[in-house]
C-alpha atoms as a PDB file:
ATOM      1  CA  MET A   1     110.766 113.653 101.996  1.00  0.00           C
ATOM      2  CA  THR A   2     108.698 110.798 103.336  1.00  0.00           C
ATOM      3  CA  GLU A   3     109.628 107.163 102.928  1.00  0.00           C
ATOM      4  CA  ALA A   4     106.700 106.625 100.557  1.00  0.00           C
ATOM      5  CA  GLN A   5     107.806 109.563  98.391  1.00  0.00           C
ATOM      6  CA  GLN A   6     111.364 108.242  98.318  1.00  0.00           C
ATOM      7  CA  ARG A   7     110.190 104.782  97.277  1.00  0.00           C
ATOM      8  CA  LEU A   8     107.922 106.303  94.635  1.00  0.00           C
ATOM      9  CA  ASP A   9     110.916 108.154  93.186  1.00  0.00           C
ATOM     10  CA  GLU A  10     112.953 104.916  93.176  1.00  0.00           C
ATOM     11  CA  VAL A  11     110.162 102.982  91.434  1.00  0.00           C
ATOM     12  CA  ARG A  12     109.811 105.703  88.806  1.00  0.00           C
ATOM     13  CA  ALA A  13     113.573 105.623  88.227  1.00  0.00           C
ATOM     14  CA  ALA A  14     113.395 101.834  87.793  1.00  0.00           C
ATOM     15  CA  ILE A  15     110.529 102.213  85.306  1.00  0.00           C
ATOM     16  CA  SER A  16     112.599 104.724  83.379  1.00  0.00           C
ATOM     17  CA  ARG A  17     115.570 102.312  83.266  1.00  0.00           C
ATOM     18  CA  VAL A  18     113.372  99.474  81.997  1.00  0.00           C
ATOM     19  CA  LEU A  19     111.861 101.696  79.311  1.00  0.00           C
ATOM     20  CA  LYS A  20     115.303 102.946  78.276  1.00  0.00           C
ATOM     21  CA  ASN A  21     117.291  99.692  78.444  1.00  0.00           C
ATOM     22  CA  GLY A  22     114.671  96.970  78.116  1.00  0.00           C
ATOM     23  CA  GLN A  23     113.776  94.108  80.454  1.00  0.00           C
ATOM     24  CA  SER A  24     117.193  92.464  80.403  1.00  0.00           C
ATOM     25  CA  LEU A  25     120.800  93.522  80.081  1.00  0.00           C
ATOM     26  CA  ARG A  26     123.439  91.364  78.488  1.00  0.00           C
ATOM     27  CA  ARG A  27     127.141  91.750  79.237  1.00  0.00           C
ATOM     28  CA  GLN A  28     129.546  89.321  77.659  1.00  0.00           C
ATOM     29  CA  ASP A  29     128.264  85.914  78.773  1.00  0.00           C
ATOM     30  CA  ARG A  30     125.937  87.127  81.562  1.00  0.00           C
ATOM     31  CA  GLU A  31     122.356  88.297  81.390  1.00  0.00           C
ATOM     32  CA  VAL A  32     120.538  90.267  84.092  1.00  0.00           C
ATOM     33  CA  ARG A  33     116.736  90.473  84.159  1.00  0.00           C
ATOM     34  CA  LEU A  34     115.293  93.688  85.517  1.00  0.00           C
ATOM     35  CA  ALA A  35     112.010  93.971  87.381  1.00  0.00           C
ATOM     36  CA  GLU A  36     108.959  93.458  85.222  1.00  0.00           C
ATOM     37  CA  LEU A  37     107.287  96.623  84.045  1.00  0.00           C
ATOM     38  CA  ASN A  38     103.834  95.465  85.189  1.00  0.00           C
ATOM     39  CA  SER A  39     105.089  94.893  88.735  1.00  0.00           C
ATOM     40  CA  LEU A  40     106.729  98.297  88.779  1.00  0.00           C
ATOM     41  CA  ARG A  41     103.524  99.949  87.568  1.00  0.00           C
ATOM     42  CA  LEU A  42     101.569  98.293  90.390  1.00  0.00           C
ATOM     43  CA  LEU A  43     104.117  99.490  92.940  1.00  0.00           C
ATOM     44  CA  GLU A  44     103.966 102.980  91.468  1.00  0.00           C
ATOM     45  CA  LYS A  45     100.185 103.051  91.842  1.00  0.00           C
ATOM     46  CA  GLN A  46     100.400 101.925  95.475  1.00  0.00           C
ATOM     47  CA  TYR A  47     103.016 104.526  96.370  1.00  0.00           C
ATOM     48  CA  VAL A  48     101.113 107.316  94.601  1.00  0.00           C
ATOM     49  CA  GLU A  49      98.077 106.502  96.744  1.00  0.00           C
ATOM     50  CA  GLN A  50     100.192 106.310  99.902  1.00  0.00           C
ATOM     51  CA  VAL A  51     101.868 109.670  99.193  1.00  0.00           C
ATOM     52  CA  ALA A  52      98.459 111.257  98.559  1.00  0.00           C
ATOM     53  CA  GLN A  53      97.172 109.905 101.889  1.00  0.00           C
ATOM     54  CA  GLU A  54     100.223 111.229 103.732  1.00  0.00           C
ATOM     55  CA  ARG A  55      99.835 114.671 102.173  1.00  0.00           C
ATOM     56  CA  ALA A  56      96.145 114.741 103.027  1.00  0.00           C
ATOM     57  CA  ALA A  57      96.929 113.805 106.628  1.00  0.00           C
ATOM     58  CA  GLN A  58      99.545 116.576 106.840  1.00  0.00           C
ATOM     59  CA  GLN A  59      96.975 119.091 105.642  1.00  0.00           C
ATOM     60  CA  GLY A  60      94.507 117.918 108.257  1.00  0.00           C
ATOM     61  CA  ARG A  61      92.305 116.051 105.829  1.00  0.00           C
ATOM     62  CA  GLY A  62      92.223 112.433 106.916  1.00  0.00           C
ATOM     63  CA  ARG A  63      90.430 109.698 105.051  1.00  0.00           C
ATOM     64  CA  SER A  64      87.175 110.116 106.930  1.00  0.00           C
ATOM     65  CA  ARG A  65      85.227 113.188 105.865  1.00  0.00           C
ATOM     66  CA  ILE A  66      81.984 112.370 107.598  1.00  0.00           C
ATOM     67  CA  SER A  67      80.015 115.354 108.805  1.00  0.00           C
ATOM     68  CA  TYR A  68      76.911 115.089 110.881  1.00  0.00           C
ATOM     69  CA  VAL A  69      74.093 117.521 110.225  1.00  0.00           C
ATOM     70  CA  GLY A  70      71.366 117.979 112.785  1.00  0.00           C
ATOM     71  CA  LEU A  71      67.804 117.571 111.595  1.00  0.00           C
END
C-alpha cells in the first residue's frame, strides 16, 4: 500500500467518523471539534488523484501521452 493510499483510507475513515458522530464530541465538561467535513472532502479529492497517478505510473502510463505521427 502506498503512502497516498494509506492517507486516503485515513481521510475516508475520518469522514465516516464525522458523518456518524457529528462535528464535535462532548464529554462531561469538555468539547472536542473534529476536522471540518469540507476540508476532509478536499483532502479526499487530492489523495484520490494522487493514487490514480501512482497507479497509472505503475502500469507504465505516465501523465504525458503525447504521440508523434509523421506526416
